[in-house]
Amino acid sequence: MSPRAAFPGEVRRAAASTCSRSRLRSGSTVLLPSMLMFGVILASSGLLLMIEKGILAEVKPLPLHPAAGEVSRRLEERGGDVELEVLRDIRNRTIRSVCGQPAMPRSVWELPAGQRRTVLRHLLVSDKYRFLYCYVPKVACSNWKRILKVLDGALESVDVKLKMDHKSDLVFLGDMRPDEINYRLKNYYKFIFVRNPAERLLSAYRNKFGEIKEYQQKYGVEIVRRYRKNGGKSAGDDVTFSEFLRYLLDEDVERMNEHWMPIYNLCQPCAVRYDFIGSYERLNEDANHVLEEVQAPSFVRFPERQSWYKPVTAETLHYYLCNTQRRLIKELLPKYILDFTLFAYPLPNITSEFCRQ
C-alpha cells in the first residue's frame, strides 16, 4: 500500500481505511466525466483543498474516453439506451482503472481476514441458478432475499406478507470451504446493486433511528450521549442527522454496521469481479435483466415497492444536506469516496448557491 498523504484533523481518520487504497499513479487514468475524475483525484488528496473551501459544485464535464464515445456511436446506430450504456462503460472502466493499481486486492484471499469475512458474509449463493449476489443494506436487499428464497423453494411467492428473516433459508458463501468458495467465484454469475452514497446514508438514518427501536436503543442512545450536552436521558429516537454524521466520522469503516458501511467494504469490487452492477435508480429494469441472465422462471419477478415505504427524494436529500454543517459532510466524504468514484455518483453539491435554491 502506498504511503498516505497527511490530511488535516478528522480527515486523516476518515480516510485511513479507504482513501489511501484508491490512489492512482500519475498518468494511469483514462479520461472520464468530471465527477469521476474529481473523485479519483480527490481520493489521492489532490482536491481536498477544494473540499476545505466548500467547492463541491458540479463542474463542466471532460470529454469521454474515446472508447466510450465509440460505445455511444454504436448504440445510436442500433437505437440503444445511449446514456445508460455509456454510464456502464464509464463505471466499468473506472473500476478496472482503480482496481488495476498494485496496492488493490486481486482476490478475496488477498484481503485482510476481517475484510474477507465481511464480503463472504454478504455474498448470497444460489447453486440451483448458479449466481452470487452481494447484498447491500438500503439497496433493496430484502426484496432480493425474497427472490432467493422463492428460487430455492423456501418461499411460495415474493408477495407473501411475512417479516423478512435475513438469515434463515439463505446460503452464504462464507459458510463454505475455500475450494467451494473458489469454484463459485470463478464459475457463477456475480452481481451487486448500488445506490448514491449520500442517499443511502440518509435512508439508513431515517429508517433505523426513526422507526426501529432496536437501533435507537443500541446506537441512538450512545450517539446522543456522545455528541449532545446533557443527552443522557435520550431514548435514542431523537438522533439528529448531524449527530449521525459525527458518529460515522469517528467510526472505523471496518467496524461499521452494515447499513452504513461503504459498499466498497461490503462487496469488495476489486477482489470480486462482478458481472453486473445494477443501480437503485433503475431498480426494476436492472433486476429484470439479472433475472433473465440467471434464467429464473418467468413467474419470479422483482417485488413492487411496499405502499408504506417512504423513498428519499431529491428534495429530501437537498433539505438534509443543506441543513447540515458543511464541515461534517466535507470531512466524511473521504470515507465514502470509493463508492462515489467507482459507481459513478456525483459528489453532493452543498455550495451556498445550490442550497439557496
Protein backbone atom coordinates (compact mmCIF):
# COMPACT_ATOMS: atom_id res chain seq x y z
CA MET A 1 0.00 0.00 0.00
CA SER A 2 1.45 3.38 -0.95
CA PRO A 3 2.05 5.95 1.80
CA ARG A 4 -0.88 8.18 2.59
CA ALA A 5 -0.79 11.94 2.27
CA ALA A 6 -1.22 13.78 5.52
CA PHE A 7 -4.73 15.16 5.86
CA PRO A 8 -5.72 17.71 8.48
CA GLY A 9 -7.66 16.77 11.59
CA GLU A 10 -10.59 14.44 11.24
CA VAL A 11 -10.00 13.87 7.51
CA ARG A 12 -6.93 11.82 8.38
CA ARG A 13 -9.01 9.41 10.44
CA ALA A 14 -11.86 9.33 7.95
CA ALA A 15 -9.59 8.47 5.04
CA ALA A 16 -7.46 5.86 6.77
CA SER A 17 -9.38 2.76 5.65
CA THR A 18 -10.29 3.66 2.09
CA CYS A 19 -8.61 6.76 0.79
CA SER A 20 -5.02 5.51 0.77
CA ARG A 21 -6.01 2.39 -1.15
CA SER A 22 -7.66 4.24 -4.01
CA ARG A 23 -4.72 6.32 -5.26
CA LEU A 24 -3.82 6.16 -8.91
CA ARG A 25 -0.33 6.58 -10.23
CA SER A 26 0.27 9.63 -12.41
CA GLY A 27 -0.75 9.03 -15.99
CA SER A 28 -2.57 5.76 -15.36
CA THR A 29 -6.13 7.05 -15.53
CA VAL A 30 -8.37 7.40 -18.56
CA LEU A 31 -10.37 10.50 -19.39
CA LEU A 32 -13.69 10.29 -17.58
CA PRO A 33 -16.55 12.67 -16.88
CA SER A 34 -15.61 15.27 -14.33
CA MET A 35 -17.45 13.71 -11.41
CA LEU A 36 -15.35 10.55 -11.73
CA MET A 37 -12.06 12.31 -12.34
CA PHE A 38 -12.90 14.59 -9.43
CA GLY A 39 -13.47 11.61 -7.18
CA VAL A 40 -10.35 9.72 -8.21
CA ILE A 41 -8.08 12.74 -7.76
CA LEU A 42 -9.83 13.62 -4.53
CA ALA A 43 -9.10 10.17 -3.16
CA SER A 44 -5.40 10.86 -3.59
CA SER A 45 -5.81 14.12 -1.62
CA GLY A 46 -5.17 16.45 -4.57
CA LEU A 47 -8.55 18.19 -4.34
CA LEU A 48 -9.09 18.06 -0.60
CA LEU A 49 -8.28 21.76 -0.64
CA MET A 50 -11.35 22.25 -2.78
CA ILE A 51 -13.42 20.42 -0.20
CA GLU A 52 -11.96 22.57 2.55
CA LYS A 53 -13.10 25.64 0.61
CA GLY A 54 -16.54 24.18 0.00
CA ILE A 55 -16.14 23.91 -3.75
CA LEU A 56 -18.40 20.94 -4.40
CA ALA A 57 -20.48 22.29 -7.24
CA GLU A 58 -20.64 20.31 -10.43
CA VAL A 59 -18.01 21.32 -12.97
CA LYS A 60 -18.13 21.14 -16.73
CA PRO A 61 -17.61 17.57 -17.91
CA LEU A 62 -14.38 16.48 -19.54
CA PRO A 63 -14.56 14.65 -22.86
CA LEU A 64 -15.38 10.96 -22.60
CA HIS A 65 -12.69 8.41 -23.20
CA PRO A 66 -12.59 7.76 -26.98
CA ALA A 67 -13.80 4.20 -26.47
CA ALA A 68 -16.82 5.47 -24.56
CA GLY A 69 -17.56 7.74 -27.50
CA GLU A 70 -17.44 4.71 -29.77
CA VAL A 71 -19.93 2.93 -27.48
CA SER A 72 -22.22 5.93 -27.77
CA ARG A 73 -21.96 6.00 -31.59
CA ARG A 74 -22.71 2.29 -31.97
CA LEU A 75 -25.66 2.46 -29.62
CA GLU A 76 -27.13 5.40 -31.52
CA GLU A 77 -26.84 3.39 -34.71
CA ARG A 78 -28.85 0.50 -33.29
CA GLY A 79 -31.22 2.59 -31.17
CA GLY A 80 -29.89 1.60 -27.73
CA ASP A 81 -30.06 3.48 -24.46
CA VAL A 82 -27.01 5.66 -25.03
CA GLU A 83 -26.90 7.36 -21.64
CA LEU A 84 -27.24 4.10 -19.72
CA GLU A 85 -24.66 2.16 -21.71
CA VAL A 86 -22.14 4.99 -21.62
CA LEU A 87 -22.60 5.22 -17.86
CA ARG A 88 -21.97 1.48 -17.54
CA ASP A 89 -18.93 1.75 -19.77
CA ILE A 90 -17.56 4.57 -17.63
CA ARG A 91 -18.28 2.65 -14.44
CA ASN A 92 -16.58 -0.49 -15.73
CA ARG A 93 -13.52 1.41 -16.96
CA THR A 94 -13.22 3.28 -13.67
CA ILE A 95 -13.35 0.05 -11.68
CA ARG A 96 -10.71 -1.52 -13.93
CA SER A 97 -8.51 1.55 -13.62
CA VAL A 98 -8.74 1.82 -9.83
CA CYS A 99 -8.65 -1.92 -9.17
CA GLY A 100 -5.70 -2.34 -11.54
CA GLN A 101 -3.40 -0.43 -9.20
CA PRO A 102 -0.69 -2.52 -7.48
CA ALA A 103 -2.00 -1.90 -3.94
CA MET A 104 -5.51 -3.14 -4.70
CA PRO A 105 -6.59 -6.75 -3.94
CA ARG A 106 -6.95 -9.19 -6.84
CA SER A 107 -8.94 -11.85 -4.97
CA VAL A 108 -10.75 -12.36 -1.68
CA TRP A 109 -7.72 -14.27 -0.37
CA GLU A 110 -5.57 -11.15 -0.65
CA LEU A 111 -7.89 -9.28 1.72
CA PRO A 112 -7.15 -8.96 5.44
CA ALA A 113 -9.11 -11.54 7.42
CA GLY A 114 -11.73 -9.08 8.67
CA GLN A 115 -12.44 -7.66 5.22
CA ARG A 116 -12.62 -11.17 3.76
CA ARG A 117 -15.15 -12.23 6.39
CA THR A 118 -17.28 -9.18 5.61
CA VAL A 119 -17.53 -9.76 1.87
CA LEU A 120 -18.02 -13.54 2.15
CA ARG A 121 -20.74 -12.86 4.74
CA HIS A 122 -22.53 -10.63 2.22
CA LEU A 123 -22.32 -12.92 -0.80
CA LEU A 124 -25.50 -14.97 -1.08
CA VAL A 125 -25.45 -18.17 -3.12
CA SER A 126 -27.92 -19.79 -5.47
CA ASP A 127 -26.46 -23.14 -6.53
CA LYS A 128 -29.59 -24.01 -8.48
CA TYR A 129 -29.29 -20.91 -10.69
CA ARG A 130 -25.51 -20.54 -10.34
CA PHE A 131 -25.21 -16.97 -9.16
CA LEU A 132 -23.73 -14.93 -6.31
CA TYR A 133 -25.43 -11.78 -5.08
CA CYS A 134 -23.63 -9.35 -2.77
CA TYR A 135 -26.38 -7.79 -0.73
CA VAL A 136 -26.11 -4.14 0.29
CA PRO A 137 -28.49 -2.94 3.01
CA LYS A 138 -30.67 0.01 1.94
CA VAL A 139 -30.38 -1.02 -1.72
CA ALA A 140 -33.47 -3.25 -1.97
CA CYS A 141 -31.65 -6.23 -0.48
CA SER A 142 -34.76 -7.50 1.36
CA ASN A 143 -36.55 -7.96 -1.95
CA TRP A 144 -33.58 -9.77 -3.45
CA LYS A 145 -33.53 -12.09 -0.43
CA ARG A 146 -37.21 -12.79 -1.05
CA ILE A 147 -36.37 -13.74 -4.62
CA LEU A 148 -33.58 -16.04 -3.47
CA LYS A 149 -35.97 -17.79 -1.10
CA VAL A 150 -38.57 -18.21 -3.84
CA LEU A 151 -35.97 -19.61 -6.25
CA ASP A 152 -34.88 -22.08 -3.58
CA GLY A 153 -38.46 -23.11 -2.81
CA ALA A 154 -38.40 -21.81 0.77
CA LEU A 155 -40.97 -19.12 -0.02
CA GLU A 156 -44.07 -19.51 -2.16
CA SER A 157 -44.13 -16.00 -3.59
CA VAL A 158 -42.28 -12.71 -3.33
CA ASP A 159 -45.59 -11.16 -2.28
CA VAL A 160 -46.02 -13.28 0.86
CA LYS A 161 -46.64 -10.86 3.75
CA LEU A 162 -44.06 -12.10 6.21
CA LYS A 163 -41.44 -10.26 8.23
CA MET A 164 -38.16 -10.82 6.46
CA ASP A 165 -35.82 -13.24 8.19
CA HIS A 166 -32.40 -12.18 6.94
CA LYS A 167 -30.62 -15.38 7.97
CA SER A 168 -32.80 -18.48 7.57
CA ASP A 169 -33.23 -20.24 4.21
CA LEU A 170 -30.31 -18.31 2.73
CA VAL A 171 -26.91 -19.71 1.76
CA PHE A 172 -23.87 -17.54 2.49
CA LEU A 173 -20.60 -18.02 0.63
CA GLY A 174 -18.71 -17.52 3.90
CA ASP A 175 -20.15 -20.77 5.26
CA MET A 176 -18.41 -22.83 2.57
CA ARG A 177 -14.96 -24.40 2.30
CA PRO A 178 -12.20 -22.50 0.44
CA ASP A 179 -12.39 -24.82 -2.58
CA GLU A 180 -16.18 -24.37 -2.75
CA ILE A 181 -15.76 -20.61 -2.47
CA ASN A 182 -13.18 -20.54 -5.26
CA TYR A 183 -15.33 -22.62 -7.60
CA ARG A 184 -18.35 -20.36 -7.21
CA LEU A 185 -16.35 -17.15 -7.52
CA LYS A 186 -14.84 -18.44 -10.74
CA ASN A 187 -17.89 -20.02 -12.36
CA TYR A 188 -21.05 -18.30 -11.07
CA TYR A 189 -22.72 -15.13 -12.33
CA LYS A 190 -21.97 -12.35 -9.81
CA PHE A 191 -23.91 -9.13 -9.30
CA ILE A 192 -24.47 -6.26 -6.89
CA PHE A 193 -26.82 -3.29 -6.70
CA VAL A 194 -25.53 0.16 -5.75
CA ARG A 195 -27.02 3.48 -4.69
CA ASN A 196 -25.96 7.10 -4.34
CA PRO A 197 -23.91 7.02 -1.10
CA ALA A 198 -25.44 10.20 0.34
CA GLU A 199 -28.96 8.98 -0.38
CA ARG A 200 -28.18 5.56 1.12
CA LEU A 201 -26.88 7.15 4.35
CA LEU A 202 -29.98 9.32 4.65
CA SER A 203 -32.23 6.32 4.04
CA ALA A 204 -30.43 4.35 6.76
CA TYR A 205 -30.69 7.28 9.18
CA ARG A 206 -34.41 7.85 8.64
CA ASN A 207 -35.25 4.16 8.83
CA LYS A 208 -33.09 3.00 11.71
CA PHE A 209 -33.41 6.00 14.01
CA GLY A 210 -36.92 7.00 13.03
CA GLU A 211 -38.61 3.59 13.01
CA ILE A 212 -36.52 0.76 14.53
CA LYS A 213 -36.43 0.68 18.35
CA GLU A 214 -33.58 -1.84 18.37
CA TYR A 215 -31.32 0.63 16.57
CA GLN A 216 -32.49 3.52 18.69
CA GLN A 217 -31.50 1.63 21.83
CA LYS A 218 -28.30 0.06 20.50
CA TYR A 219 -26.89 3.04 18.59
CA GLY A 220 -29.11 6.07 19.16
CA VAL A 221 -28.68 6.27 22.93
CA GLU A 222 -24.90 6.12 22.60
CA ILE A 223 -24.78 8.66 19.76
CA VAL A 224 -26.82 11.22 21.70
CA ARG A 225 -24.83 10.62 24.87
CA ARG A 226 -21.57 11.08 22.99
CA TYR A 227 -22.38 14.14 20.90
CA ARG A 228 -25.02 16.12 22.80
CA LYS A 229 -24.65 18.00 26.03
CA ASN A 230 -26.96 16.59 28.69
CA GLY A 231 -28.08 13.85 26.29
CA GLY A 232 -28.00 11.08 28.86
CA LYS A 233 -31.79 10.82 29.17
CA SER A 234 -32.48 10.32 25.46
CA ALA A 235 -34.26 7.14 24.37
CA GLY A 236 -32.24 7.22 21.14
CA ASP A 237 -35.23 8.13 18.99
CA ASP A 238 -34.25 11.77 18.54
CA VAL A 239 -30.80 11.43 16.93
CA THR A 240 -30.19 14.34 14.56
CA PHE A 241 -28.69 13.83 11.13
CA SER A 242 -25.64 15.88 12.15
CA GLU A 243 -25.10 13.68 15.21
CA PHE A 244 -25.33 10.62 13.00
CA LEU A 245 -22.70 12.01 10.62
CA ARG A 246 -20.40 12.87 13.53
CA TYR A 247 -20.73 9.29 14.71
CA LEU A 248 -19.82 7.98 11.23
CA LEU A 249 -16.84 10.32 11.10
CA ASP A 250 -15.44 8.80 14.29
CA GLU A 251 -16.22 5.17 13.35
CA ASP A 252 -13.66 2.76 11.90
CA VAL A 253 -15.02 1.79 8.48
CA GLU A 254 -14.26 -1.88 9.03
CA ARG A 255 -16.30 -1.92 12.25
CA MET A 256 -19.35 -0.07 10.92
CA ASN A 257 -22.84 -1.53 10.94
CA GLU A 258 -23.62 -2.95 7.50
CA HIS A 259 -26.42 -0.43 6.95
CA TRP A 260 -23.92 2.43 6.69
CA MET A 261 -20.68 0.62 5.86
CA PRO A 262 -19.44 1.75 2.41
CA ILE A 263 -20.47 -0.53 -0.44
CA TYR A 264 -16.81 -0.94 -1.38
CA ASN A 265 -16.07 -2.51 2.00
CA LEU A 266 -19.17 -4.69 1.94
CA CYS A 267 -18.68 -6.16 -1.52
CA GLN A 268 -15.01 -5.53 -2.42
CA PRO A 269 -15.44 -4.95 -6.20
CA CYS A 270 -11.68 -5.19 -6.74
CA ALA A 271 -11.37 -8.59 -5.09
CA VAL A 272 -14.60 -9.91 -6.65
CA ARG A 273 -15.09 -9.30 -10.37
CA TYR A 274 -18.82 -8.71 -10.70
CA ASP A 275 -20.52 -9.49 -13.99
CA PHE A 276 -23.23 -6.89 -13.46
CA ILE A 277 -23.64 -3.78 -11.33
CA GLY A 278 -27.26 -2.72 -11.07
CA SER A 279 -28.40 0.59 -9.65
CA TYR A 280 -31.16 1.63 -7.30
CA GLU A 281 -32.12 4.34 -9.78
CA ARG A 282 -33.03 1.68 -12.38
CA LEU A 283 -34.06 -0.98 -9.91
CA ASN A 284 -36.84 -2.76 -11.80
CA GLU A 285 -35.14 -2.68 -15.19
CA ASP A 286 -31.80 -3.87 -13.84
CA ALA A 287 -33.45 -6.52 -11.66
CA ASN A 288 -35.31 -7.91 -14.67
CA HIS A 289 -32.03 -8.00 -16.56
CA VAL A 290 -30.44 -10.10 -13.81
CA LEU A 291 -33.41 -12.46 -13.62
CA GLU A 292 -33.14 -13.04 -17.36
CA GLU A 293 -29.37 -13.61 -17.11
CA VAL A 294 -29.75 -16.30 -14.45
CA GLN A 295 -32.71 -17.83 -16.32
CA ALA A 296 -35.11 -17.51 -13.42
CA PRO A 297 -38.66 -18.86 -14.01
CA SER A 298 -40.97 -16.36 -15.67
CA PHE A 299 -43.27 -16.23 -12.64
CA VAL A 300 -40.44 -14.83 -10.50
CA ARG A 301 -40.47 -11.06 -10.71
CA PHE A 302 -38.97 -8.29 -8.66
CA PRO A 303 -41.45 -7.23 -5.92
CA GLU A 304 -43.32 -3.97 -6.15
CA ARG A 305 -42.36 -1.27 -3.67
CA GLN A 306 -44.36 -1.53 -0.46
CA SER A 307 -47.07 1.13 0.00
CA TRP A 308 -45.66 2.15 3.39
CA TYR A 309 -42.18 2.77 2.02
CA LYS A 310 -41.04 6.41 2.15
CA PRO A 311 -38.44 6.99 -0.56
CA VAL A 312 -35.66 9.53 -0.24
CA THR A 313 -36.48 12.17 -2.82
CA ALA A 314 -34.08 14.71 -4.29
CA GLU A 315 -35.86 17.40 -2.30
CA THR A 316 -35.47 15.44 0.95
CA LEU A 317 -31.78 14.87 0.34
CA HIS A 318 -31.32 18.55 -0.54
CA TYR A 319 -33.02 19.58 2.71
CA TYR A 320 -30.90 17.36 4.96
CA LEU A 321 -27.58 18.12 3.27
CA CYS A 322 -28.14 21.85 3.13
CA ASN A 323 -29.21 21.98 6.79
CA THR A 324 -26.12 20.12 7.97
CA GLN A 325 -22.78 21.69 8.80
CA ARG A 326 -20.70 21.66 5.64
CA ARG A 327 -17.65 20.69 7.66
CA LEU A 328 -19.23 17.36 8.60
CA ILE A 329 -20.04 16.48 5.00
CA LYS A 330 -16.62 17.57 3.74
CA GLU A 331 -14.77 15.53 6.34
CA LEU A 332 -16.96 12.47 5.85
CA LEU A 333 -16.58 12.34 2.05
CA PRO A 334 -13.18 10.58 2.01
CA LYS A 335 -14.72 7.64 3.87
CA TYR A 336 -17.19 7.05 1.03
CA ILE A 337 -15.09 8.35 -1.86
CA LEU A 338 -14.64 4.91 -3.46
CA ASP A 339 -18.41 4.46 -3.58
CA PHE A 340 -18.85 7.82 -5.30
CA THR A 341 -15.94 7.17 -7.67
CA LEU A 342 -16.31 3.53 -8.67
CA PHE A 343 -20.07 3.63 -9.12
CA ALA A 344 -20.19 6.97 -10.95
CA TYR A 345 -22.16 9.10 -8.48
CA PRO A 346 -21.57 12.87 -8.27
CA LEU A 347 -20.29 14.33 -5.03
CA PRO A 348 -23.00 16.17 -3.07
CA ASN A 349 -23.38 19.78 -4.02
CA ILE A 350 -23.52 21.84 -0.82
CA THR A 351 -22.50 25.21 -2.15
CA SER A 352 -24.39 28.24 -0.85
CA GLU A 353 -25.80 28.94 -4.30
CA PHE A 354 -27.23 25.43 -4.66
CA CYS A 355 -28.62 25.34 -1.14
CA ARG A 356 -30.47 28.64 -1.66
CA GLN A 357 -32.49 27.07 -4.48
